[in-house]
């Protein structure tokens, strides 16, 4: 396993590993890595290996648990950690929702009332112009003509000035509404509007999102309760360590249960790429101490505690934590792929799928009506042709 810091002078593996390396340098010792055996699946299995003296220490942080209950010794707490869930980022609303965005609910009610007023006014105009031959379908058609600013000027409309005035006022109202609507719709279609994010356990269940939990934490969930029992079916097992190193290669259709360090990786990665892959939720486990586990009754505990306190007083641990993301990139453990996004979003065929379906339905109805009427008059055509 290769660990390299940003200057290539020291092996790198995070601030816990730096504490261990500092301890080794201080005491002129050497680190021998112990390959993880197949029988270690949970934290309890790791503690058992410490008890059996198969290993002397664990070079990364472990959530603190009482050493009286478990057969291991631990150092002074290095820091506090809080695990939180990141969920797939819901980028934007489907485009057919954009047609509703320019106006709120009350404005759409105003538009509906305006159409009704158009129809009533058209009815009054027809009633005041005998003989009254207008029907309901004709009123709807004439109202639609007013809305699209193409009024149907019949001959009797020019006989009274009141008719002309009412038509002009209706056209002005329709033109104003259409102008406001189209200008706002254009502004919405040239930007990305964020959809509602998955921010609660109920949202996770409702959307069917699966949250990947590191395999050791998955096995420990029954004891530590990282995830409430009733929501545990939404959790899947997975070894997240490799994906944490290559955060942009994580499956963006899944959510992840990550520690604060890797949440910072996600945050700064997205900020550098100017593109959001995951949403940082507030679904978090309670803060716990992180310690370096040692074998039971280890003589190294006093020296480790002294080193940790000295590192804290010198501000080294805070500096190492702040350098974690940058050094991960420099060491090649994290790859940032910049994803560019155009400022003007293109309107695609799928964005107007509902409009195309309505249009296709209208064409089919028109074609069927034409064929039906043609078949109805076909006998008459044949009769006149015979004559």
Protein backbone atom coordinates (compact mmCIF):
# COMPACT_ATOMS: atom_id res chain seq x y z
CA UNK A 1 0.00 0.00 0.00
CA UNK A 2 1.63 3.25 -1.14
CA UNK A 3 1.31 6.39 0.97
CA UNK A 4 2.94 9.57 -0.34
CA UNK A 5 2.56 13.08 0.99
CA UNK A 6 2.38 16.16 -1.22
CA UNK A 7 6.17 16.65 -1.12
CA UNK A 8 7.02 13.00 -1.56
CA UNK A 9 9.06 12.89 1.67
CA UNK A 10 6.71 10.95 3.90
CA UNK A 11 4.19 8.24 3.37
CA UNK A 12 0.66 9.50 3.59
CA UNK A 13 -2.61 8.04 4.82
CA UNK A 14 -4.42 10.82 6.66
CA UNK A 15 -3.83 12.51 9.99
CA UNK A 16 -4.23 9.28 12.00
CA UNK A 17 -1.52 7.67 9.94
CA UNK A 18 0.64 10.79 10.37
CA UNK A 19 0.35 10.44 14.15
CA UNK A 20 1.49 6.82 13.89
CA UNK A 21 4.37 7.80 11.57
CA UNK A 22 5.40 10.59 13.94
CA UNK A 23 5.42 8.07 16.78
CA UNK A 24 7.58 5.67 14.74
CA UNK A 25 10.04 8.42 13.78
CA UNK A 26 10.26 9.60 17.37
CA UNK A 27 11.10 6.11 18.66
CA UNK A 28 13.07 4.98 15.60
CA UNK A 29 10.64 2.14 14.94
CA UNK A 30 9.37 0.51 11.76
CA UNK A 31 5.80 -0.17 10.68
CA UNK A 32 4.94 -3.61 9.37
CA UNK A 33 1.55 -3.68 7.68
CA UNK A 34 -0.72 -6.56 8.59
CA UNK A 35 -2.92 -7.70 5.73
CA UNK A 36 -6.51 -7.89 6.73
CA UNK A 37 -7.53 -11.53 7.17
CA UNK A 38 -10.83 -12.79 5.84
CA UNK A 39 -12.18 -13.53 9.33
CA UNK A 40 -12.22 -9.83 10.34
CA UNK A 41 -15.61 -8.43 9.38
CA UNK A 42 -16.68 -6.25 12.29
CA UNK A 43 -15.06 -3.90 14.77
CA UNK A 44 -15.45 -6.61 17.40
CA UNK A 45 -13.34 -8.95 15.25
CA UNK A 46 -10.70 -6.23 15.09
CA UNK A 47 -10.76 -5.86 18.88
CA UNK A 48 -10.35 -9.62 19.21
CA UNK A 49 -7.22 -9.49 17.05
CA UNK A 50 -5.83 -6.84 19.38
CA UNK A 51 -6.64 -9.05 22.36
CA UNK A 52 -4.91 -12.02 20.76
CA UNK A 53 -1.89 -9.78 20.05
CA UNK A 54 -2.06 -10.54 16.34
CA UNK A 55 -1.65 -6.80 15.78
CA UNK A 56 -0.19 -4.05 17.98
CA UNK A 57 -2.32 -1.11 16.84
CA UNK A 58 -4.77 0.09 14.22
CA UNK A 59 -3.40 2.97 12.15
CA UNK A 60 -6.74 4.66 11.54
CA UNK A 61 -9.45 6.08 13.75
CA UNK A 62 -12.04 3.86 15.39
CA UNK A 63 -15.20 5.00 17.13
CA UNK A 64 -14.56 4.83 20.83
CA UNK A 65 -16.13 2.03 22.86
CA UNK A 66 -15.49 1.27 26.52
CA UNK A 67 -12.29 -0.73 26.92
CA UNK A 68 -13.72 -2.35 30.02
CA UNK A 69 -16.25 -4.16 27.85
CA UNK A 70 -13.80 -4.97 25.06
CA UNK A 71 -10.34 -6.49 25.22
CA UNK A 72 -8.28 -3.63 23.90
CA UNK A 73 -6.53 -0.46 25.01
CA UNK A 74 -7.01 2.87 23.31
CA UNK A 75 -5.14 6.13 23.12
CA UNK A 76 -6.37 9.52 24.19
CA UNK A 77 -9.14 10.64 21.78
CA UNK A 78 -7.56 12.20 18.71
CA UNK A 79 -10.65 14.06 17.53
CA UNK A 80 -14.42 13.87 17.36
CA UNK A 81 -16.23 12.57 14.31
CA UNK A 82 -19.79 12.60 13.05
CA UNK A 83 -21.03 10.35 10.29
CA UNK A 84 -23.60 11.81 7.91
CA UNK A 85 -25.49 10.65 4.84
CA UNK A 86 -24.92 12.12 1.39
CA UNK A 87 -27.65 11.49 -1.16
CA UNK A 88 -27.73 11.76 -4.97
CA UNK A 89 -28.18 15.40 -5.94
CA UNK A 90 -31.52 16.13 -7.58
CA UNK A 91 -30.33 18.54 -10.24
CA UNK A 92 -33.38 20.08 -11.80
CA UNK A 93 -37.08 19.80 -12.33
CA UNK A 94 -38.37 17.97 -15.41
CA UNK A 95 -38.85 20.56 -18.13
CA UNK A 96 -42.60 20.11 -18.45
CA UNK A 97 -42.92 21.55 -14.91
CA UNK A 98 -41.35 24.76 -16.17
CA UNK A 99 -44.59 25.71 -17.94
CA UNK A 100 -46.24 26.12 -14.54
CA UNK A 101 -43.42 28.14 -12.97
CA UNK A 102 -43.98 31.67 -14.39
CA UNK A 103 -47.24 32.06 -12.47
CA UNK A 104 -48.20 30.90 -9.03
CA UNK A 105 -51.54 29.30 -8.19
CA UNK A 106 -53.43 32.57 -7.69
CA UNK A 107 -52.24 33.94 -11.05
CA UNK A 108 -53.35 30.78 -12.85
CA UNK A 109 -56.78 31.25 -11.24
CA UNK A 110 -56.77 34.83 -12.58
CA UNK A 111 -55.96 33.55 -16.06
CA UNK A 112 -58.82 31.04 -15.83
CA UNK A 113 -61.23 33.79 -14.73
CA UNK A 114 -60.01 35.95 -17.63
CA UNK A 115 -60.86 33.20 -20.11
CA UNK A 116 -64.30 32.88 -18.52
CA UNK A 117 -64.81 36.65 -18.78
CA UNK A 118 -63.82 36.50 -22.45
CA UNK A 119 -66.46 33.84 -23.07
CA UNK A 120 -69.17 35.78 -21.18
CA UNK A 121 -68.38 39.00 -23.04
CA UNK A 122 -68.48 37.17 -26.36
CA UNK A 123 -71.86 35.75 -25.38
CA UNK A 124 -73.22 39.21 -24.56
CA UNK A 125 -71.90 40.57 -27.84
CA UNK A 126 -73.69 37.82 -29.75
CA UNK A 127 -76.92 38.31 -27.76
CA UNK A 128 -76.94 42.06 -28.53
CA UNK A 129 -76.50 41.34 -32.22
CA UNK A 130 -79.64 39.58 -33.43
CA UNK A 131 -80.25 37.09 -34.77
CA UNK A 132 -78.52 35.10 -31.97
CA UNK A 133 -76.93 32.10 -33.65
CA UNK A 134 -73.86 31.57 -31.45
CA UNK A 135 -73.46 28.30 -29.52
CA UNK A 136 -71.16 27.21 -26.70
CA UNK A 137 -68.47 25.80 -29.00
CA UNK A 138 -68.38 29.06 -30.91
CA UNK A 139 -67.92 31.04 -27.68
CA UNK A 140 -64.98 28.84 -26.65
CA UNK A 141 -63.43 29.18 -30.09
CA UNK A 142 -63.76 32.97 -30.11
CA UNK A 143 -62.34 33.19 -26.57
CA UNK A 144 -59.36 31.15 -27.71
CA UNK A 145 -58.90 33.52 -30.66
CA UNK A 146 -58.81 36.45 -28.23
CA UNK A 147 -56.24 34.70 -25.99
CA UNK A 148 -53.87 34.14 -28.94
CA UNK A 149 -54.51 37.73 -30.05
CA UNK A 150 -56.24 36.72 -33.30
CA UNK A 151 -59.81 38.01 -32.81
CA UNK A 152 -62.57 37.00 -35.18
CA UNK A 153 -64.00 40.30 -36.46
CA UNK A 154 -67.43 39.46 -37.74
CA UNK A 155 -69.35 42.07 -39.71
CA UNK A 156 -71.68 43.05 -36.88
CA UNK A 157 -68.69 43.72 -34.59
CA UNK A 158 -68.08 46.94 -36.50
CA UNK A 159 -71.67 48.12 -36.05
CA UNK A 160 -71.22 49.23 -32.41
CA UNK A 161 -68.28 51.05 -30.82
CA UNK A 162 -68.83 49.17 -27.54
CA UNK A 163 -68.00 45.92 -29.31
CA UNK A 164 -64.73 47.36 -30.61
CA UNK A 165 -63.81 48.78 -27.18
CA UNK A 166 -64.48 45.51 -25.35
CA UNK A 167 -62.48 43.56 -27.93
CA UNK A 168 -59.55 45.97 -27.63
CA UNK A 169 -59.56 45.70 -23.83
CA UNK A 170 -59.68 41.90 -24.00
CA UNK A 171 -56.80 41.88 -26.50
CA UNK A 172 -54.77 44.20 -24.26
CA UNK A 173 -55.30 41.94 -21.23
CA UNK A 174 -54.42 38.82 -23.21
CA UNK A 175 -51.32 40.43 -24.73
CA UNK A 176 -50.11 41.57 -21.29
CA UNK A 177 -50.54 38.13 -19.76
CA UNK A 178 -48.82 36.45 -22.70
CA UNK A 179 -45.90 38.89 -22.61
CA UNK A 180 -45.30 38.38 -18.89
CA UNK A 181 -45.65 34.61 -19.22
CA UNK A 182 -43.29 34.22 -22.19
CA UNK A 183 -40.62 36.48 -20.69
CA UNK A 184 -40.64 34.59 -17.39
CA UNK A 185 -40.76 31.21 -19.14
CA UNK A 186 -37.71 32.16 -21.22
CA UNK A 187 -35.76 33.08 -18.11
CA UNK A 188 -36.65 29.74 -16.47
CA UNK A 189 -35.65 27.69 -19.51
CA UNK A 190 -32.16 29.24 -19.55
CA UNK A 191 -31.29 28.22 -16.00
CA UNK A 192 -31.23 25.10 -13.90
CA UNK A 193 -33.88 24.98 -11.18
CA UNK A 194 -33.02 22.71 -8.28
CA UNK A 195 -35.55 20.06 -7.45
CA UNK A 196 -36.45 19.01 -3.90
CA UNK A 197 -33.52 17.21 -2.31
CA UNK A 198 -33.56 13.90 -0.46
CA UNK A 199 -33.04 15.20 3.06
CA UNK A 200 -34.86 12.80 5.43
CA UNK A 201 -35.12 9.06 5.99
CA UNK A 202 -38.72 9.21 4.75
CA UNK A 203 -37.49 10.82 1.50
CA UNK A 204 -34.97 8.00 1.14
CA UNK A 205 -37.69 5.38 1.52
CA UNK A 206 -40.15 7.25 -0.73
CA UNK A 207 -37.66 7.70 -3.58
CA UNK A 208 -36.25 4.18 -3.23
CA UNK A 209 -32.70 5.49 -2.80
CA UNK A 210 -30.20 2.98 -1.43
CA UNK A 211 -27.59 4.15 1.09
CA UNK A 212 -24.27 2.32 0.99
CA UNK A 213 -22.66 1.65 4.36
CA UNK A 214 -19.10 0.47 4.79
CA UNK A 215 -19.10 -3.27 5.40
CA UNK A 216 -17.65 -3.10 8.92
CA UNK A 217 -20.19 -0.43 9.91
CA UNK A 218 -22.96 -2.46 8.27
CA UNK A 219 -22.18 -5.36 10.60
CA UNK A 220 -21.89 -3.05 13.62
CA UNK A 221 -25.17 -1.26 12.93
CA UNK A 222 -27.15 -3.57 15.22
CA UNK A 223 -25.00 -2.46 18.15
CA UNK A 224 -24.19 1.19 17.33
CA UNK A 225 -27.51 2.04 15.60
CA UNK A 226 -26.03 4.18 12.83
CA UNK A 227 -29.35 3.84 11.00
CA UNK A 228 -32.76 3.40 12.71
CA UNK A 229 -33.96 -0.19 12.48
CA UNK A 230 -37.12 0.58 10.50
CA UNK A 231 -35.09 2.32 7.78
CA UNK A 232 -32.37 -0.34 7.59
CA UNK A 233 -33.90 -2.02 4.47
CA UNK A 234 -32.74 1.08 2.56
CA UNK A 235 -29.11 0.34 3.51
CA UNK A 236 -26.85 -1.82 1.35
CA UNK A 237 -23.48 -3.30 2.23
CA UNK A 238 -20.44 -2.07 0.37
CA UNK A 239 -16.72 -1.56 0.84
CA UNK A 240 -16.59 2.21 0.48
CA UNK A 241 -12.88 2.70 1.08
CA UNK A 242 -11.84 2.48 -2.56
CA UNK A 243 -14.69 4.73 -3.62
CA UNK A 244 -13.73 7.26 -0.98
CA UNK A 245 -10.31 7.52 -2.60
CA UNK A 246 -11.91 8.19 -5.99
CA UNK A 247 -14.91 10.15 -4.88
CA UNK A 248 -16.04 11.11 -8.38
CA UNK A 249 -16.16 7.45 -9.35
CA UNK A 250 -18.81 6.79 -6.72
CA UNK A 251 -22.14 5.65 -8.10
CA UNK A 252 -24.23 8.82 -8.13
CA UNK A 253 -27.45 6.80 -8.03
CA UNK A 254 -26.59 5.69 -4.48
CA UNK A 255 -26.26 7.56 -1.23
CA UNK A 256 -23.36 7.04 1.18
CA UNK A 257 -22.80 7.08 4.91
CA UNK A 258 -19.49 8.97 5.25
CA UNK A 259 -17.30 10.37 8.00
CA UNK A 260 -16.58 14.10 8.30
CA UNK A 261 -13.26 13.79 6.47
CA UNK A 262 -14.79 12.27 3.37
CA UNK A 263 -17.76 14.62 3.53
CA UNK A 264 -15.16 17.41 3.24
CA UNK A 265 -13.74 15.56 0.25
CA UNK A 266 -17.17 15.52 -1.39
CA UNK A 267 -17.72 19.21 -0.58
CA UNK A 268 -14.42 20.49 -1.94
CA UNK A 269 -14.53 18.17 -4.93
CA UNK A 270 -17.92 19.52 -5.95
CA UNK A 271 -16.76 23.08 -5.35
CA UNK A 272 -13.67 22.58 -7.51
CA UNK A 273 -15.68 20.94 -10.29
CA UNK A 274 -18.52 23.52 -10.06
CA UNK A 275 -20.91 20.62 -10.33
CA UNK A 276 -22.90 18.87 -7.63
CA UNK A 277 -22.93 15.09 -7.45
CA UNK A 278 -24.25 14.61 -3.93
CA UNK A 279 -26.42 16.51 -1.49
CA UNK A 280 -24.97 16.87 2.01
CA UNK A 281 -27.91 16.06 4.25
CA UNK A 282 -28.36 16.78 7.94
CA UNK A 283 -29.02 13.08 8.64
CA UNK A 284 -26.14 12.42 10.99
CA UNK A 285 -25.19 10.07 13.78
CA UNK A 286 -24.23 11.54 17.14
CA UNK A 287 -20.67 12.78 17.49
CA UNK A 288 -18.23 10.23 18.87
CA UNK A 289 -14.58 10.20 19.85
CA UNK A 290 -12.06 8.69 17.46
CA UNK A 291 -9.21 6.78 19.04
CA UNK A 292 -6.27 4.67 17.95
CA UNK A 293 -6.86 1.13 19.27
CA UNK A 294 -3.89 -0.66 20.82
CA UNK A 295 -3.45 -4.19 22.03
CA UNK A 296 -4.68 -4.95 25.56
CA UNK A 297 -2.43 -3.40 28.27
CA UNK A 298 -0.14 -1.99 25.59
CA UNK A 299 2.98 -0.20 26.94
CA UNK A 300 2.69 2.22 24.01
CA UNK A 301 -0.37 3.98 25.41
CA UNK A 302 1.48 6.52 27.58
CA UNK A 303 3.81 7.53 24.76
CA UNK A 304 0.93 7.81 22.29
CA UNK A 305 -1.10 9.95 24.68
CA UNK A 306 1.85 12.27 25.21
CA UNK A 307 2.37 12.58 21.43
CA UNK A 308 -1.32 13.28 20.75
CA UNK A 309 -1.48 15.99 23.41
CA UNK A 310 1.69 17.59 22.03
CA UNK A 311 0.27 17.51 18.48
CA UNK A 312 -2.93 19.16 19.69
CA UNK A 313 -1.09 21.89 21.57
CA UNK A 314 1.08 22.59 18.53
CA UNK A 315 -1.95 22.73 16.22
CA UNK A 316 -0.64 19.92 14.03
CA UNK A 317 -3.78 17.78 14.09
CA UNK A 318 -5.97 20.65 12.92
CA UNK A 319 -3.48 21.42 10.17
CA UNK A 320 -3.30 17.77 9.10
CA UNK A 321 -7.10 17.61 8.99
CA UNK A 322 -7.31 20.76 6.86
CA UNK A 323 -4.63 19.38 4.49
CA UNK A 324 -6.40 16.05 4.07
CA UNK A 325 -8.24 16.88 0.84
CA UNK A 326 -5.33 18.65 -0.84
CA UNK A 327 -2.83 15.96 0.05
CA UNK A 328 -5.23 13.26 -1.14
CA UNK A 329 -5.25 14.93 -4.55
CA UNK A 330 -1.48 15.37 -4.60
CA UNK A 331 -0.94 11.75 -3.59
CA UNK A 332 -3.19 10.55 -6.40
CA UNK A 333 -5.73 9.07 -3.99
CA UNK A 334 -8.41 11.43 -5.23
CA UNK A 335 -9.10 12.34 -8.83
CA UNK A 336 -11.13 15.42 -9.65
CA UNK A 337 -12.76 15.40 -13.05
CA UNK A 338 -14.00 18.86 -13.96
CA UNK A 339 -17.44 18.65 -15.50
CA UNK A 340 -18.34 21.73 -17.51
CA UNK A 341 -21.94 22.80 -17.86
CA UNK A 342 -23.22 25.36 -20.32
CA UNK A 343 -24.98 28.36 -18.85
CA UNK A 344 -27.83 28.06 -21.36
CA UNK A 345 -29.57 24.72 -21.09
CA UNK A 346 -30.70 23.28 -24.40
CA UNK A 347 -34.35 22.46 -24.96
CA UNK A 348 -34.60 18.84 -26.04
CA UNK A 349 -37.35 16.72 -27.53
CA UNK A 350 -37.95 14.98 -24.21
CA UNK A 351 -38.47 18.30 -22.42
CA UNK A 352 -41.63 18.90 -24.45
CA UNK A 353 -42.82 15.30 -24.48
CA UNK A 354 -46.20 16.18 -23.00
CA UNK A 355 -46.77 18.91 -25.59
CA UNK A 356 -45.87 16.48 -28.39
CA UNK A 357 -48.25 13.86 -26.99
CA UNK A 358 -51.10 16.38 -26.91
CA UNK A 359 -50.24 17.52 -30.43
CA UNK A 360 -50.13 13.92 -31.69
CA UNK A 361 -53.46 13.19 -30.01
CA UNK A 362 -55.02 16.22 -31.74
CA UNK A 363 -53.65 15.13 -35.13
CA UNK A 364 -55.03 11.61 -34.64
CA UNK A 365 -58.48 12.92 -33.66
CA UNK A 366 -58.51 15.32 -36.62
CA UNK A 367 -57.47 12.56 -39.02
CA UNK A 368 -60.08 10.16 -37.63
CA UNK A 369 -62.79 12.83 -37.85
CA UNK A 370 -61.85 13.62 -41.46
CA UNK A 371 -61.92 9.94 -42.43
CA UNK A 372 -65.25 9.45 -40.67
CA UNK A 373 -66.85 12.45 -42.37
CA UNK A 374 -65.40 11.40 -45.72
CA UNK A 375 -66.88 7.92 -45.36
CA UNK A 376 -70.21 9.47 -44.39
CA UNK A 377 -70.44 11.55 -47.58
CA UNK A 378 -68.77 8.96 -49.83
CA UNK A 379 -72.14 7.42 -50.88
CA UNK A 380 -73.40 10.88 -51.89
CA UNK A 381 -70.28 11.49 -53.92
CA UNK A 382 -70.74 8.19 -55.73
CA UNK A 383 -74.43 8.97 -56.31
CA UNK A 384 -73.67 12.35 -57.89
CA UNK A 385 -70.89 10.84 -59.99
CA UNK A 386 -73.31 8.26 -61.40
CA UNK A 387 -75.67 11.03 -62.46
